[in-house]
Amino acid sequence: MNHLSLLFLAALLPHAAATVVRTPISTARPAAFRSCTVGELRLTTDAAGKVRFLEYGQNIPDNSLRVRQSYDRAGRLTGISVTWSGFAGQMLDARAAYDARGQLIRETGYRRSGFTTPLKSYIRAAPPGARC
């Protein structure tokens, strides 16, 4: 292409751009989540009714346990967060991520010496058919 044809094309560009009909990009709406309490469990479900988060805890004088489990759209465990403290201070503040097969990918956070229980042992199952 020679220099003259490039100038000609450049002159046409503003006119061509003005005649192009531009449709707005549709924005994806986030899933509508609902939360409810079933027994001692706090559930958060998506628009399809699948449990996406499950939380529970215990508050006993000088002892506090908080567990949060997260799930993907298919209902598979993707992560867990456990915080446990007592009169002696923080004992556990750890998070774990899992792959689609339920295998541990990584664990981060703090464990006091002697607290070696796997985080998966803190998992509670969602009640069958639970809906919010």
Protein backbone atom coordinates (compact mmCIF):
# COMPACT_ATOMS: atom_id res chain seq x y z
CA MET A 1 0.00 0.00 0.00
CA ASN A 2 1.42 3.38 -0.92
CA HIS A 3 1.50 6.59 1.08
CA LEU A 4 -1.36 8.19 -0.85
CA SER A 5 -3.80 5.34 -0.22
CA LEU A 6 -3.03 5.46 3.50
CA LEU A 7 -3.91 9.16 3.57
CA PHE A 8 -7.15 8.44 1.72
CA LEU A 9 -8.11 5.70 4.23
CA ALA A 10 -7.25 7.94 7.16
CA ALA A 11 -9.54 10.65 5.77
CA LEU A 12 -12.43 8.19 5.62
CA LEU A 13 -11.96 6.90 9.15
CA PRO A 14 -13.85 9.62 11.08
CA HIS A 15 -16.82 9.34 8.72
CA ALA A 16 -16.92 5.57 8.95
CA ALA A 17 -16.69 5.70 12.74
CA ALA A 18 -19.60 8.15 12.90
CA THR A 19 -21.91 5.81 10.99
CA VAL A 20 -21.17 2.74 13.10
CA VAL A 21 -24.05 1.83 15.36
CA ARG A 22 -22.68 0.94 18.76
CA THR A 23 -24.70 -1.27 21.03
CA PRO A 24 -23.97 -1.04 24.73
CA ILE A 25 -22.13 -3.93 26.26
CA SER A 26 -24.48 -5.90 28.45
CA THR A 27 -23.22 -6.11 31.98
CA ALA A 28 -23.48 -9.42 33.75
CA ARG A 29 -25.58 -9.18 36.85
CA PRO A 30 -24.26 -10.82 39.96
CA ALA A 31 -26.22 -13.77 41.22
CA ALA A 32 -28.88 -12.91 43.73
CA PHE A 33 -27.81 -14.41 47.03
CA ARG A 34 -30.12 -15.17 49.93
CA SER A 35 -29.11 -15.92 53.50
CA CYS A 36 -30.97 -17.81 56.17
CA THR A 37 -30.35 -19.70 59.38
CA VAL A 38 -31.09 -23.41 59.57
CA GLY A 39 -30.51 -24.68 63.10
CA GLU A 40 -27.05 -23.48 64.05
CA LEU A 41 -25.94 -23.04 60.42
CA ARG A 42 -26.04 -19.81 58.45
CA LEU A 43 -26.52 -20.60 54.76
CA THR A 44 -26.11 -18.35 51.74
CA THR A 45 -27.63 -19.69 48.53
CA ASP A 46 -27.48 -18.43 44.94
CA ALA A 47 -30.42 -17.77 42.60
CA ALA A 48 -30.53 -21.47 41.67
CA GLY A 49 -30.88 -22.45 45.34
CA LYS A 50 -27.39 -23.98 45.63
CA VAL A 51 -25.53 -23.45 48.90
CA ARG A 52 -22.54 -21.16 48.19
CA PHE A 53 -21.50 -20.37 51.78
CA LEU A 54 -22.09 -22.15 55.06
CA GLU A 55 -21.10 -20.63 58.39
CA TYR A 56 -21.28 -21.77 61.96
CA GLY A 57 -19.67 -20.90 65.22
CA GLN A 58 -19.56 -21.47 68.94
CA ASN A 59 -19.26 -18.84 71.63
CA ILE A 60 -18.44 -20.24 75.02
CA PRO A 61 -16.96 -17.99 77.71
CA ASP A 62 -13.27 -17.54 76.86
CA ASN A 63 -13.62 -19.67 73.73
CA SER A 64 -14.76 -18.68 70.23
CA LEU A 65 -14.87 -20.79 67.05
CA ARG A 66 -15.91 -19.49 63.62
CA VAL A 67 -16.01 -21.63 60.47
CA ARG A 68 -16.89 -20.46 56.95
CA GLN A 69 -17.12 -22.90 54.03
CA SER A 70 -17.45 -21.82 50.40
CA TYR A 71 -18.75 -23.81 47.44
CA ASP A 72 -18.76 -23.36 43.66
CA ARG A 73 -21.86 -23.42 41.44
CA ALA A 74 -21.63 -27.21 41.16
CA GLY A 75 -21.76 -27.57 44.95
CA ARG A 76 -18.10 -28.55 45.40
CA LEU A 77 -16.10 -27.27 48.36
CA THR A 78 -13.68 -24.54 47.24
CA GLY A 79 -12.47 -23.17 50.56
CA ILE A 80 -12.72 -23.11 54.32
CA SER A 81 -11.75 -20.54 56.91
CA VAL A 82 -11.41 -21.42 60.60
CA THR A 83 -10.79 -18.97 63.44
CA TRP A 84 -10.49 -20.29 66.98
CA SER A 85 -9.43 -18.35 70.05
CA GLY A 86 -9.63 -18.95 73.75
CA PHE A 87 -8.43 -17.67 77.11
CA ALA A 88 -4.86 -18.48 76.04
CA GLY A 89 -5.17 -16.34 72.89
CA GLN A 90 -5.37 -17.21 69.22
CA MET A 91 -5.11 -20.94 68.56
CA LEU A 92 -6.08 -21.16 64.91
CA ASP A 93 -6.66 -18.63 62.13
CA ALA A 94 -6.28 -20.56 58.88
CA ARG A 95 -7.71 -20.73 55.40
CA ALA A 96 -7.57 -23.56 52.88
CA ALA A 97 -8.36 -23.76 49.16
CA TYR A 98 -9.47 -26.96 47.43
CA ASP A 99 -9.62 -28.02 43.78
CA ALA A 100 -12.66 -29.52 42.03
CA ARG A 101 -11.74 -33.02 43.31
CA GLY A 102 -11.61 -31.84 46.93
CA GLN A 103 -7.83 -32.01 47.16
CA LEU A 104 -6.04 -29.38 49.24
CA ILE A 105 -4.32 -26.79 47.03
CA ARG A 106 -2.89 -24.59 49.77
CA GLU A 107 -3.32 -23.60 53.37
CA THR A 108 -2.39 -20.23 54.81
CA GLY A 109 -2.66 -18.59 58.19
CA TYR A 110 -1.65 -19.28 61.76
CA ARG A 111 -1.71 -22.48 63.83
CA ARG A 112 -0.53 -22.54 67.39
CA SER A 113 1.95 -25.29 68.16
CA GLY A 114 0.14 -28.59 68.66
CA PHE A 115 -2.95 -27.67 66.59
CA THR A 116 -2.52 -30.02 63.65
CA THR A 117 -6.12 -31.07 62.98
CA PRO A 118 -6.88 -30.84 59.23
CA LEU A 119 -9.24 -27.98 58.40
CA LYS A 120 -11.55 -30.42 56.57
CA SER A 121 -12.43 -31.93 59.96
CA TYR A 122 -14.32 -28.70 60.79
CA ILE A 123 -16.65 -29.08 57.80
CA ARG A 124 -20.36 -29.43 58.47
CA ALA A 125 -22.67 -30.75 55.80
CA ALA A 126 -25.51 -28.59 54.61
CA PRO A 127 -28.92 -30.05 55.46
CA PRO A 128 -30.31 -31.99 52.48
CA GLY A 129 -32.60 -29.81 50.38
CA ALA A 130 -31.81 -26.68 52.40
CA ARG A 131 -33.20 -23.56 50.73
CA CYS A 132 -33.33 -19.90 51.70
